[in-house]
Structure formats: C-alpha cells, structure tokens
Amino acid sequence: FSSNFALYGDLSKRVMTILQGEAPQIEIYSIDEAFLDFTGIIDKKKQA
C-alpha cells in the first residue's frame, strides 16, 4: 500500500479519544502511542 496518512491520522484520533476516557491523565506520545496514568486503579491488569 501507498501511505494513506489521512486514514492513519483519523484512526489514531479515534484510538486516542477512547484512551482519554479511560484514565485521569494521558500523554499522546506519537500517532500510535500514549502513556496513561493508572494511579488509583485497583486491578490494573484487568483494566488494561
């Protein structure tokens, strides 16, 4: 495939929107990576 950055960028936004609703703080590190603050979550593995 040729690179389709319009598609990749839009799907990235959709993923990041979901992640933003799952943690009190988030750092979007790149188009496909994000750090989330899991402080206070009891069963961290289940949440993940």
ModelCIF file with pLDDT and N, C-alpha, C, O atoms, coordinates in Angstrom:
data_MODEL
#
_entry.id   MODEL 
#
_entity.id                         1 
_entity.type                       polymer 
_entity.pdbx_number_of_molecules   1 
#
_entity_poly.entity_id                      1 
_entity_poly.type                           'polypeptide(L)' 
_entity_poly.nstd_linkage                   no 
_entity_poly.nstd_monomer                   no 
_entity_poly.pdbx_seq_one_letter_code       FSSNFALYGDLSKRVMTILQGEAPQIEIYSIDEAFLDFTGIIDKKKQA 
_entity_poly.pdbx_seq_one_letter_code_can   FSSNFALYGDLSKRVMTILQGEAPQIEIYSIDEAFLDFTGIIDKKKQA 
_entity_poly.pdbx_strand_id                 A 
#
loop_
_entity_poly_seq.entity_id 
_entity_poly_seq.num 
_entity_poly_seq.mon_id 
_entity_poly_seq.hetero 
1 1  PHE n 
1 2  SER n 
1 3  SER n 
1 4  ASN n 
1 5  PHE n 
1 6  ALA n 
1 7  LEU n 
1 8  TYR n 
1 9  GLY n 
1 10 ASP n 
1 11 LEU n 
1 12 SER n 
1 13 LYS n 
1 14 ARG n 
1 15 VAL n 
1 16 MET n 
1 17 THR n 
1 18 ILE n 
1 19 LEU n 
1 20 GLN n 
1 21 GLY n 
1 22 GLU n 
1 23 ALA n 
1 24 PRO n 
1 25 GLN n 
1 26 ILE n 
1 27 GLU n 
1 28 ILE n 
1 29 TYR n 
1 30 SER n 
1 31 ILE n 
1 32 ASP n 
1 33 GLU n 
1 34 ALA n 
1 35 PHE n 
1 36 LEU n 
1 37 ASP n 
1 38 PHE n 
1 39 THR n 
1 40 GLY n 
1 41 ILE n 
1 42 ILE n 
1 43 ASP n 
1 44 LYS n 
1 45 LYS n 
1 46 LYS n 
1 47 GLN n 
1 48 ALA n 
#
_struct_asym.id          A 
_struct_asym.entity_id   1 
#
loop_
_ma_qa_metric.id 
_ma_qa_metric.mode 
_ma_qa_metric.name 
_ma_qa_metric.software_group_id 
_ma_qa_metric.type 
1 global pLDDT . pLDDT 
2 local  pLDDT . pLDDT 
#
_ma_qa_metric_global.metric_id      1 
_ma_qa_metric_global.metric_value   91.40 
_ma_qa_metric_global.model_id       1 
_ma_qa_metric_global.ordinal_id     1 
#
loop_
_ma_qa_metric_local.label_asym_id 
_ma_qa_metric_local.label_comp_id 
_ma_qa_metric_local.label_seq_id 
_ma_qa_metric_local.metric_id 
_ma_qa_metric_local.metric_value 
_ma_qa_metric_local.model_id 
_ma_qa_metric_local.ordinal_id 
A PHE 1  2 94.00 1 1  
A SER 2  2 92.00 1 2  
A SER 3  2 89.00 1 3  
A ASN 4  2 89.00 1 4  
A PHE 5  2 87.00 1 5  
A ALA 6  2 87.00 1 6  
A LEU 7  2 91.00 1 7  
A TYR 8  2 92.00 1 8  
A GLY 9  2 91.00 1 9  
A ASP 10 2 92.00 1 10 
A LEU 11 2 95.00 1 11 
A SER 12 2 94.00 1 12 
A LYS 13 2 93.00 1 13 
A ARG 14 2 95.00 1 14 
A VAL 15 2 96.00 1 15 
A MET 16 2 94.00 1 16 
A THR 17 2 94.00 1 17 
A ILE 18 2 95.00 1 18 
A LEU 19 2 94.00 1 19 
A GLN 20 2 91.00 1 20 
A GLY 21 2 89.00 1 21 
A GLU 22 2 88.00 1 22 
A ALA 23 2 87.00 1 23 
A PRO 24 2 86.00 1 24 
A GLN 25 2 90.00 1 25 
A ILE 26 2 92.00 1 26 
A GLU 27 2 92.00 1 27 
A ILE 28 2 91.00 1 28 
A TYR 29 2 90.00 1 29 
A SER 30 2 90.00 1 30 
A ILE 31 2 91.00 1 31 
A ASP 32 2 93.00 1 32 
A GLU 33 2 95.00 1 33 
A ALA 34 2 95.00 1 34 
A PHE 35 2 95.00 1 35 
A LEU 36 2 95.00 1 36 
A ASP 37 2 94.00 1 37 
A PHE 38 2 91.00 1 38 
A THR 39 2 88.00 1 39 
A GLY 40 2 84.00 1 40 
A ILE 41 2 86.00 1 41 
A ILE 42 2 88.00 1 42 
A ASP 43 2 91.00 1 43 
A LYS 44 2 91.00 1 44 
A LYS 45 2 92.00 1 45 
A LYS 46 2 93.00 1 46 
A GLN 47 2 92.00 1 47 
A ALA 48 2 93.00 1 48 
#
loop_
_atom_site.group_PDB 
_atom_site.id 
_atom_site.type_symbol 
_atom_site.label_atom_id 
_atom_site.label_alt_id 
_atom_site.label_comp_id 
_atom_site.label_asym_id 
_atom_site.label_entity_id 
_atom_site.label_seq_id 
_atom_site.pdbx_PDB_ins_code 
_atom_site.Cartn_x 
_atom_site.Cartn_y 
_atom_site.Cartn_z 
_atom_site.occupancy 
_atom_site.B_iso_or_equiv 
_atom_site.pdbx_formal_charge 
_atom_site.auth_seq_id 
_atom_site.auth_comp_id 
_atom_site.auth_asym_id 
_atom_site.auth_atom_id 
_atom_site.pdbx_PDB_model_num 
ATOM 1   N N  . PHE A 1 1  ? 0.829   -1.208 0.000  1.00 94.00 ? 1  PHE A N  1 
ATOM 2   C CA . PHE A 1 1  ? 0.000   0.000  0.000  1.00 94.00 ? 1  PHE A CA 1 
ATOM 3   C C  . PHE A 1 1  ? 0.861   1.256  0.000  1.00 94.00 ? 1  PHE A C  1 
ATOM 4   O O  . PHE A 1 1  ? 1.924   1.298  0.619  1.00 94.00 ? 1  PHE A O  1 
ATOM 5   N N  . SER A 1 2  ? 0.383   2.278  -0.706 1.00 92.00 ? 2  SER A N  1 
ATOM 6   C CA . SER A 1 2  ? 0.949   3.618  -0.551 1.00 92.00 ? 2  SER A CA 1 
ATOM 7   C C  . SER A 1 2  ? 0.506   4.155  0.809  1.00 92.00 ? 2  SER A C  1 
ATOM 8   O O  . SER A 1 2  ? -0.548  3.772  1.316  1.00 92.00 ? 2  SER A O  1 
ATOM 9   N N  . SER A 1 3  ? 1.309   5.039  1.397  1.00 89.00 ? 3  SER A N  1 
ATOM 10  C CA . SER A 1 3  ? 0.950   5.581  2.702  1.00 89.00 ? 3  SER A CA 1 
ATOM 11  C C  . SER A 1 3  ? -0.295  6.456  2.594  1.00 89.00 ? 3  SER A C  1 
ATOM 12  O O  . SER A 1 3  ? -0.369  7.359  1.760  1.00 89.00 ? 3  SER A O  1 
ATOM 13  N N  . ASN A 1 4  ? -1.271  6.169  3.455  1.00 89.00 ? 4  ASN A N  1 
ATOM 14  C CA . ASN A 1 4  ? -2.558  6.864  3.465  1.00 89.00 ? 4  ASN A CA 1 
ATOM 15  C C  . ASN A 1 4  ? -2.684  7.598  4.800  1.00 89.00 ? 4  ASN A C  1 
ATOM 16  O O  . ASN A 1 4  ? -3.381  7.142  5.707  1.00 89.00 ? 4  ASN A O  1 
ATOM 17  N N  . PHE A 1 5  ? -1.997  8.745  4.908  1.00 87.00 ? 5  PHE A N  1 
ATOM 18  C CA . PHE A 1 5  ? -1.915  9.415  6.204  1.00 87.00 ? 5  PHE A CA 1 
ATOM 19  C C  . PHE A 1 5  ? -3.239  10.020 6.649  1.00 87.00 ? 5  PHE A C  1 
ATOM 20  O O  . PHE A 1 5  ? -3.440  10.243 7.843  1.00 87.00 ? 5  PHE A O  1 
ATOM 21  N N  . ALA A 1 6  ? -4.141  10.289 5.719  1.00 87.00 ? 6  ALA A N  1 
ATOM 22  C CA . ALA A 1 6  ? -5.465  10.773 6.108  1.00 87.00 ? 6  ALA A CA 1 
ATOM 23  C C  . ALA A 1 6  ? -6.195  9.694  6.907  1.00 87.00 ? 6  ALA A C  1 
ATOM 24  O O  . ALA A 1 6  ? -6.811  9.981  7.934  1.00 87.00 ? 6  ALA A O  1 
ATOM 25  N N  . LEU A 1 7  ? -6.122  8.461  6.430  1.00 91.00 ? 7  LEU A N  1 
ATOM 26  C CA . LEU A 1 7  ? -6.752  7.338  7.125  1.00 91.00 ? 7  LEU A CA 1 
ATOM 27  C C  . LEU A 1 7  ? -6.067  7.068  8.457  1.00 91.00 ? 7  LEU A C  1 
ATOM 28  O O  . LEU A 1 7  ? -6.735  6.896  9.477  1.00 91.00 ? 7  LEU A O  1 
ATOM 29  N N  . TYR A 1 8  ? -4.733  7.031  8.451  1.00 92.00 ? 8  TYR A N  1 
ATOM 30  C CA . TYR A 1 8  ? -3.994  6.710  9.676  1.00 92.00 ? 8  TYR A CA 1 
ATOM 31  C C  . TYR A 1 8  ? -4.225  7.777  10.746 1.00 92.00 ? 8  TYR A C  1 
ATOM 32  O O  . TYR A 1 8  ? -4.400  7.460  11.922 1.00 92.00 ? 8  TYR A O  1 
ATOM 33  N N  . GLY A 1 9  ? -4.225  9.040  10.328 1.00 91.00 ? 9  GLY A N  1 
ATOM 34  C CA . GLY A 1 9  ? -4.428  10.121 11.292 1.00 91.00 ? 9  GLY A CA 1 
ATOM 35  C C  . GLY A 1 9  ? -5.805  10.078 11.920 1.00 91.00 ? 9  GLY A C  1 
ATOM 36  O O  . GLY A 1 9  ? -5.948  10.322 13.119 1.00 91.00 ? 9  GLY A O  1 
ATOM 37  N N  . ASP A 1 10 ? -6.830  9.768  11.122 1.00 92.00 ? 10 ASP A N  1 
ATOM 38  C CA . ASP A 1 10 ? -8.193  9.722  11.649 1.00 92.00 ? 10 ASP A CA 1 
ATOM 39  C C  . ASP A 1 10 ? -8.373  8.548  12.606 1.00 92.00 ? 10 ASP A C  1 
ATOM 40  O O  . ASP A 1 10 ? -8.982  8.705  13.665 1.00 92.00 ? 10 ASP A O  1 
ATOM 41  N N  . LEU A 1 11 ? -7.853  7.378  12.249 1.00 95.00 ? 11 LEU A N  1 
ATOM 42  C CA . LEU A 1 11 ? -7.970  6.227  13.149 1.00 95.00 ? 11 LEU A CA 1 
ATOM 43  C C  . LEU A 1 11 ? -7.173  6.448  14.426 1.00 95.00 ? 11 LEU A C  1 
ATOM 44  O O  . LEU A 1 11 ? -7.572  5.988  15.496 1.00 95.00 ? 11 LEU A O  1 
ATOM 45  N N  . SER A 1 12 ? -6.048  7.150  14.322 1.00 94.00 ? 12 SER A N  1 
ATOM 46  C CA . SER A 1 12 ? -5.274  7.486  15.518 1.00 94.00 ? 12 SER A CA 1 
ATOM 47  C C  . SER A 1 12 ? -6.106  8.348  16.465 1.00 94.00 ? 12 SER A C  1 
ATOM 48  O O  . SER A 1 12 ? -6.126  8.102  17.671 1.00 94.00 ? 12 SER A O  1 
ATOM 49  N N  . LYS A 1 13 ? -6.789  9.350  15.928 1.00 93.00 ? 13 LYS A N  1 
ATOM 50  C CA . LYS A 1 13 ? -7.636  10.213 16.764 1.00 93.00 ? 13 LYS A CA 1 
ATOM 51  C C  . LYS A 1 13 ? -8.720  9.402  17.470 1.00 93.00 ? 13 LYS A C  1 
ATOM 52  O O  . LYS A 1 13 ? -9.046  9.669  18.627 1.00 93.00 ? 13 LYS A O  1 
ATOM 53  N N  . ARG A 1 14 ? -9.272  8.421  16.778 1.00 95.00 ? 14 ARG A N  1 
ATOM 54  C CA . ARG A 1 14 ? -10.326 7.595  17.374 1.00 95.00 ? 14 ARG A CA 1 
ATOM 55  C C  . ARG A 1 14 ? -9.778  6.757  18.525 1.00 95.00 ? 14 ARG A C  1 
ATOM 56  O O  . ARG A 1 14 ? -10.416 6.615  19.568 1.00 95.00 ? 14 ARG A O  1 
ATOM 57  N N  . VAL A 1 15 ? -8.585  6.204  18.317 1.00 96.00 ? 15 VAL A N  1 
ATOM 58  C CA . VAL A 1 15 ? -7.955  5.415  19.392 1.00 96.00 ? 15 VAL A CA 1 
ATOM 59  C C  . VAL A 1 15 ? -7.667  6.310  20.588 1.00 96.00 ? 15 VAL A C  1 
ATOM 60  O O  . VAL A 1 15 ? -7.978  5.945  21.722 1.00 96.00 ? 15 VAL A O  1 
ATOM 61  N N  . MET A 1 16 ? -7.072  7.483  20.348 1.00 94.00 ? 16 MET A N  1 
ATOM 62  C CA . MET A 1 16 ? -6.696  8.378  21.441 1.00 94.00 ? 16 MET A CA 1 
ATOM 63  C C  . MET A 1 16 ? -7.915  8.903  22.187 1.00 94.00 ? 16 MET A C  1 
ATOM 64  O O  . MET A 1 16 ? -7.850  9.131  23.395 1.00 94.00 ? 16 MET A O  1 
ATOM 65  N N  . THR A 1 17 ? -9.019  9.096  21.485 1.00 94.00 ? 17 THR A N  1 
ATOM 66  C CA . THR A 1 17 ? -10.255 9.545  22.145 1.00 94.00 ? 17 THR A CA 1 
ATOM 67  C C  . THR A 1 17 ? -10.742 8.506  23.141 1.00 94.00 ? 17 THR A C  1 
ATOM 68  O O  . THR A 1 17 ? -11.201 8.849  24.231 1.00 94.00 ? 17 THR A O  1 
ATOM 69  N N  . ILE A 1 18 ? -10.641 7.234  22.767 1.00 95.00 ? 18 ILE A N  1 
ATOM 70  C CA . ILE A 1 18 ? -11.026 6.156  23.687 1.00 95.00 ? 18 ILE A CA 1 
ATOM 71  C C  . ILE A 1 18 ? -10.110 6.158  24.907 1.00 95.00 ? 18 ILE A C  1 
ATOM 72  O O  . ILE A 1 18 ? -10.579 6.056  26.040 1.00 95.00 ? 18 ILE A O  1 
ATOM 73  N N  . LEU A 1 19 ? -8.810  6.272  24.675 1.00 94.00 ? 19 LEU A N  1 
ATOM 74  C CA . LEU A 1 19 ? -7.844  6.241  25.776 1.00 94.00 ? 19 LEU A CA 1 
ATOM 75  C C  . LEU A 1 19 ? -8.069  7.405  26.740 1.00 94.00 ? 19 LEU A C  1 
ATOM 76  O O  . LEU A 1 19 ? -7.917  7.247  27.951 1.00 94.00 ? 19 LEU A O  1 
ATOM 77  N N  . GLN A 1 20 ? -8.431  8.572  26.207 1.00 91.00 ? 20 GLN A N  1 
ATOM 78  C CA . GLN A 1 20 ? -8.651  9.749  27.057 1.00 91.00 ? 20 GLN A CA 1 
ATOM 79  C C  . GLN A 1 20 ? -9.819  9.560  28.011 1.00 91.00 ? 20 GLN A C  1 
ATOM 80  O O  . GLN A 1 20 ? -9.890  10.224 29.046 1.00 91.00 ? 20 GLN A O  1 
ATOM 81  N N  . GLY A 1 21 ? -10.725 8.668  27.674 1.00 89.00 ? 21 GLY A N  1 
ATOM 82  C CA . GLY A 1 21 ? -11.864 8.402  28.551 1.00 89.00 ? 21 GLY A CA 1 
ATOM 83  C C  . GLY A 1 21 ? -11.606 7.322  29.577 1.00 89.00 ? 21 GLY A C  1 
ATOM 84  O O  . GLY A 1 21 ? -12.483 7.009  30.381 1.00 89.00 ? 21 GLY A O  1 
ATOM 85  N N  . GLU A 1 22 ? -10.402 6.741  29.561 1.00 88.00 ? 22 GLU A N  1 
ATOM 86  C CA . GLU A 1 22 ? -10.105 5.602  30.432 1.00 88.00 ? 22 GLU A CA 1 
ATOM 87  C C  . GLU A 1 22 ? -9.097  5.914  31.531 1.00 88.00 ? 22 GLU A C  1 
ATOM 88  O O  . GLU A 1 22 ? -8.808  5.046  32.355 1.00 88.00 ? 22 GLU A O  1 
ATOM 89  N N  . ALA A 1 23 ? -8.561  7.118  31.566 1.00 87.00 ? 23 ALA A N  1 
ATOM 90  C CA . ALA A 1 23 ? -7.554  7.465  32.577 1.00 87.00 ? 23 ALA A CA 1 
ATOM 91  C C  . ALA A 1 23 ? -7.650  8.952  32.897 1.00 87.00 ? 23 ALA A C  1 
ATOM 92  O O  . ALA A 1 23 ? -8.037  9.747  32.040 1.00 87.00 ? 23 ALA A O  1 
ATOM 93  N N  . PRO A 1 24 ? -7.300  9.335  34.130 1.00 86.00 ? 24 PRO A N  1 
ATOM 94  C CA . PRO A 1 24 ? -7.389  10.753 34.511 1.00 86.00 ? 24 PRO A CA 1 
ATOM 95  C C  . PRO A 1 24 ? -6.376  11.638 33.808 1.00 86.00 ? 24 PRO A C  1 
ATOM 96  O O  . PRO A 1 24 ? -6.581  12.846 33.688 1.00 86.00 ? 24 PRO A O  1 
ATOM 97  N N  . GLN A 1 25 ? -5.280  11.043 33.341 1.00 90.00 ? 25 GLN A N  1 
ATOM 98  C CA . GLN A 1 25 ? -4.254  11.823 32.643 1.00 90.00 ? 25 GLN A CA 1 
ATOM 99  C C  . GLN A 1 25 ? -3.660  10.976 31.535 1.00 90.00 ? 25 GLN A C  1 
ATOM 100 O O  . GLN A 1 25 ? -3.446  9.775  31.707 1.00 90.00 ? 25 GLN A O  1 
ATOM 101 N N  . ILE A 1 26 ? -3.392  11.605 30.393 1.00 92.00 ? 26 ILE A N  1 
ATOM 102 C CA . ILE A 1 26 ? -2.849  10.891 29.244 1.00 92.00 ? 26 ILE A CA 1 
ATOM 103 C C  . ILE A 1 26 ? -1.841  11.771 28.524 1.00 92.00 ? 26 ILE A C  1 
ATOM 104 O O  . ILE A 1 26 ? -2.040  12.979 28.397 1.00 92.00 ? 26 ILE A O  1 
ATOM 105 N N  . GLU A 1 27 ? -0.768  11.169 28.060 1.00 92.00 ? 27 GLU A N  1 
ATOM 106 C CA . GLU A 1 27 ? 0.204   11.856 27.207 1.00 92.00 ? 27 GLU A CA 1 
ATOM 107 C C  . GLU A 1 27 ? 0.235   11.157 25.860 1.00 92.00 ? 27 GLU A C  1 
ATOM 108 O O  . GLU A 1 27 ? 0.680   10.014 25.760 1.00 92.00 ? 27 GLU A O  1 
ATOM 109 N N  . ILE A 1 28 ? -0.233  11.835 24.831 1.00 91.00 ? 28 ILE A N  1 
ATOM 110 C CA . ILE A 1 28 ? -0.179  11.272 23.479 1.00 91.00 ? 28 ILE A CA 1 
ATOM 111 C C  . ILE A 1 28 ? 1.248   11.442 22.986 1.00 91.00 ? 28 ILE A C  1 
ATOM 112 O O  . ILE A 1 28 ? 1.682   12.552 22.676 1.00 91.00 ? 28 ILE A O  1 
ATOM 113 N N  . TYR A 1 29 ? 1.968   10.338 22.916 1.00 90.00 ? 29 TYR A N  1 
ATOM 114 C CA . TYR A 1 29 ? 3.398   10.385 22.636 1.00 90.00 ? 29 TYR A CA 1 
ATOM 115 C C  . TYR A 1 29 ? 3.690   10.419 21.133 1.00 90.00 ? 29 TYR A C  1 
ATOM 116 O O  . TYR A 1 29 ? 4.639   11.074 20.701 1.00 90.00 ? 29 TYR A O  1 
ATOM 117 N N  . SER A 1 30 ? 2.888   9.725  20.345 1.00 90.00 ? 30 SER A N  1 
ATOM 118 C CA . SER A 1 30 ? 3.061   9.700  18.893 1.00 90.00 ? 30 SER A CA 1 
ATOM 119 C C  . SER A 1 30 ? 1.739   9.312  18.261 1.00 90.00 ? 30 SER A C  1 
ATOM 120 O O  . SER A 1 30 ? 0.733   9.175  18.957 1.00 90.00 ? 30 SER A O  1 
ATOM 121 N N  . ILE A 1 31 ? 1.733   9.135  16.955 1.00 91.00 ? 31 ILE A N  1 
ATOM 122 C CA . ILE A 1 31 ? 0.488   8.802  16.257 1.00 91.00 ? 31 ILE A CA 1 
ATOM 123 C C  . ILE A 1 31 ? -0.088  7.470  16.726 1.00 91.00 ? 31 ILE A C  1 
ATOM 124 O O  . ILE A 1 31 ? -1.292  7.246  16.600 1.00 91.00 ? 31 ILE A O  1 
ATOM 125 N N  . ASP A 1 32 ? 0.752   6.576  17.267 1.00 93.00 ? 32 ASP A N  1 
ATOM 126 C CA . ASP A 1 32 ? 0.261   5.255  17.656 1.00 93.00 ? 32 ASP A CA 1 
ATOM 127 C C  . ASP A 1 32 ? 0.630   4.860  19.085 1.00 93.00 ? 32 ASP A C  1 
ATOM 128 O O  . ASP A 1 32 ? 0.531   3.685  19.439 1.00 93.00 ? 32 ASP A O  1 
ATOM 129 N N  . GLU A 1 33 ? 1.054   5.819  19.913 1.00 95.00 ? 33 GLU A N  1 
ATOM 130 C CA . GLU A 1 33 ? 1.437   5.521  21.293 1.00 95.00 ? 33 GLU A CA 1 
ATOM 131 C C  . GLU A 1 33 ? 0.901   6.573  22.254 1.00 95.00 ? 33 GLU A C  1 
ATOM 132 O O  . GLU A 1 33 ? 0.800   7.752  21.915 1.00 95.00 ? 33 GLU A O  1 
ATOM 133 N N  . ALA A 1 34 ? 0.557   6.122  23.466 1.00 95.00 ? 34 ALA A N  1 
ATOM 134 C CA . ALA A 1 34 ? 0.142   7.062  24.508 1.00 95.00 ? 34 ALA A CA 1 
ATOM 135 C C  . ALA A 1 34 ? 0.449   6.471  25.881 1.00 95.00 ? 34 ALA A C  1 
ATOM 136 O O  . ALA A 1 34 ? 0.277   5.275  26.115 1.00 95.00 ? 34 ALA A O  1 
ATOM 137 N N  . PHE A 1 35 ? 0.907   7.339  26.779 1.00 95.00 ? 35 PHE A N  1 
ATOM 138 C CA . PHE A 1 35 ? 1.091   6.965  28.176 1.00 95.00 ? 35 PHE A CA 1 
ATOM 139 C C  . PHE A 1 35 ? -0.160  7.340  28.954 1.00 95.00 ? 35 PHE A C  1 
ATOM 140 O O  . PHE A 1 35 ? -0.716  8.421  28.762 1.00 95.00 ? 35 PHE A O  1 
ATOM 141 N N  . LEU A 1 36 ? -0.609  6.439  29.842 1.00 95.00 ? 36 LEU A N  1 
ATOM 142 C CA . LEU A 1 36 ? -1.790  6.690  30.666 1.00 95.00 ? 36 LEU A CA 1 
ATOM 143 C C  . LEU A 1 36 ? -1.416  6.569  32.139 1.00 95.00 ? 36 LEU A C  1 
ATOM 144 O O  . LEU A 1 36 ? -0.598  5.728  32.511 1.00 95.00 ? 36 LEU A O  1 
ATOM 145 N N  . ASP A 1 37 ? -2.011  7.401  32.965 1.00 94.00 ? 37 ASP A N  1 
ATOM 146 C CA . ASP A 1 37 ? -1.821  7.329  34.410 1.00 94.00 ? 37 ASP A CA 1 
ATOM 147 C C  . ASP A 1 37 ? -2.821  6.334  34.991 1.00 94.00 ? 37 ASP A C  1 
ATOM 148 O O  . ASP A 1 37 ? -4.028  6.577  34.976 1.00 94.00 ? 37 ASP A O  1 
ATOM 149 N N  . PHE A 1 38 ? -2.308  5.204  35.507 1.00 91.00 ? 38 PHE A N  1 
ATOM 150 C CA . PHE A 1 38 ? -3.168  4.174  36.095 1.00 91.00 ? 38 PHE A CA 1 
ATOM 151 C C  . PHE A 1 38 ? -3.187  4.249  37.620 1.00 91.00 ? 38 PHE A C  1 
ATOM 152 O O  . PHE A 1 38 ? -3.598  3.295  38.281 1.00 91.00 ? 38 PHE A O  1 
ATOM 153 N N  . THR A 1 39 ? -2.745  5.372  38.181 1.00 88.00 ? 39 THR A N  1 
ATOM 154 C CA . THR A 1 39 ? -2.754  5.541  39.630 1.00 88.00 ? 39 THR A CA 1 
ATOM 155 C C  . THR A 1 39 ? -4.184  5.446  40.161 1.00 88.00 ? 39 THR A C  1 
ATOM 156 O O  . THR A 1 39 ? -5.102  6.062  39.618 1.00 88.00 ? 39 THR A O  1 
ATOM 157 N N  . GLY A 1 40 ? -4.359  4.674  41.220 1.00 84.00 ? 40 GLY A N  1 
ATOM 158 C CA . GLY A 1 40 ? -5.673  4.543  41.843 1.00 84.00 ? 40 GLY A CA 1 
ATOM 159 C C  . GLY A 1 40 ? -6.519  3.412  41.297 1.00 84.00 ? 40 GLY A C  1 
ATOM 160 O O  . GLY A 1 40 ? -7.546  3.073  41.885 1.00 84.00 ? 40 GLY A O  1 
ATOM 161 N N  . ILE A 1 41 ? -6.110  2.820  40.180 1.00 86.00 ? 41 ILE A N  1 
ATOM 162 C CA . ILE A 1 41 ? -6.857  1.681  39.615 1.00 86.00 ? 41 ILE A CA 1 
ATOM 163 C C  . ILE A 1 41 ? -6.452  0.415  40.371 1.00 86.00 ? 41 ILE A C  1 
ATOM 164 O O  . ILE A 1 41 ? -5.268  0.084  40.440 1.00 86.00 ? 41 ILE A O  1 
ATOM 165 N N  . ILE A 1 42 ? -7.417  -0.280 40.927 1.00 88.00 ? 42 ILE A N  1 
ATOM 166 C CA . ILE A 1 42 ? -7.122  -1.428 41.797 1.00 88.00 ? 42 ILE A CA 1 
ATOM 167 C C  . ILE A 1 42 ? -6.600  -2.610 40.989 1.00 88.00 ? 42 ILE A C  1 
ATOM 168 O O  . ILE A 1 42 ? -5.472  -3.057 41.199 1.00 88.00 ? 42 ILE A O  1 
ATOM 169 N N  . ASP A 1 43 ? -7.409  -3.115 40.072 1.00 91.00 ? 43 ASP A N  1 
ATOM 170 C CA . ASP A 1 43 ? -6.992  -4.258 39.255 1.00 91.00 ? 43 ASP A CA 1 
ATOM 171 C C  . ASP A 1 43 ? -6.462  -3.728 37.917 1.00 91.00 ? 43 ASP A C  1 
ATOM 172 O O  . ASP A 1 43 ? -7.188  -3.644 36.926 1.00 91.00 ? 43 ASP A O  1 
ATOM 173 N N  . LYS A 1 44 ? -5.191  -3.378 37.925 1.00 91.00 ? 44 LYS A N  1 
ATOM 174 C CA . LYS A 1 44 ? -4.599  -2.714 36.762 1.00 91.00 ? 44 LYS A CA 1 
ATOM 175 C C  . LYS A 1 44 ? -4.550  -3.622 35.531 1.00 91.00 ? 44 LYS A C  1 
ATOM 176 O O  . LYS A 1 44 ? -4.789  -3.167 34.413 1.00 91.00 ? 44 LYS A O  1 
ATOM 177 N N  . LYS A 1 45 ? -4.244  -4.889 35.734 1.00 92.00 ? 45 LYS A N  1 
ATOM 178 C CA . LYS A 1 45 ? -4.152  -5.799 34.595 1.00 92.00 ? 45 LYS A CA 1 
ATOM 179 C C  . LYS A 1 45 ? -5.509  -5.981 33.934 1.00 92.00 ? 45 LYS A C  1 
ATOM 180 O O  . LYS A 1 45 ? -5.615  -5.961 32.708 1.00 92.00 ? 45 LYS A O  1 
ATOM 181 N N  . LYS A 1 46 ? -6.552  -6.161 34.751 1.00 93.00 ? 46 LYS A N  1 
ATOM 182 C CA . LYS A 1 46 ? -7.902  -6.312 34.200 1.00 93.00 ? 46 LYS A CA 1 
ATOM 183 C C  . LYS A 1 46 ? -8.315  -5.067 33.436 1.00 93.00 ? 46 LYS A C  1 
ATOM 184 O O  . LYS A 1 46 ? -8.906  -5.154 32.359 1.00 93.00 ? 46 LYS A O  1 
ATOM 185 N N  . GLN A 1 47 ? -7.997  -3.893 34.005 1.00 92.00 ? 47 GLN A N  1 
ATOM 186 C CA . GLN A 1 47 ? -8.319  -2.636 33.331 1.00 92.00 ? 47 GLN A CA 1 
ATOM 187 C C  . GLN A 1 47 ? -7.614  -2.556 31.976 1.00 92.00 ? 47 GLN A C  1 
ATOM 188 O O  . GLN A 1 47 ? -8.192  -2.106 30.987 1.00 92.00 ? 47 GLN A O  1 
ATOM 189 N N  . ALA A 1 48 ? -6.353  -3.000 31.950 1.00 93.00 ? 48 ALA A N  1 
ATOM 190 C CA . ALA A 1 48 ? -5.582  -2.956 30.707 1.00 93.00 ? 48 ALA A CA 1 
ATOM 191 C C  . ALA A 1 48 ? -6.161  -3.908 29.669 1.00 93.00 ? 48 ALA A C  1 
ATOM 192 O O  . ALA A 1 48 ? -5.637  -4.002 28.559 1.00 93.00 ? 48 ALA A O  1 
#
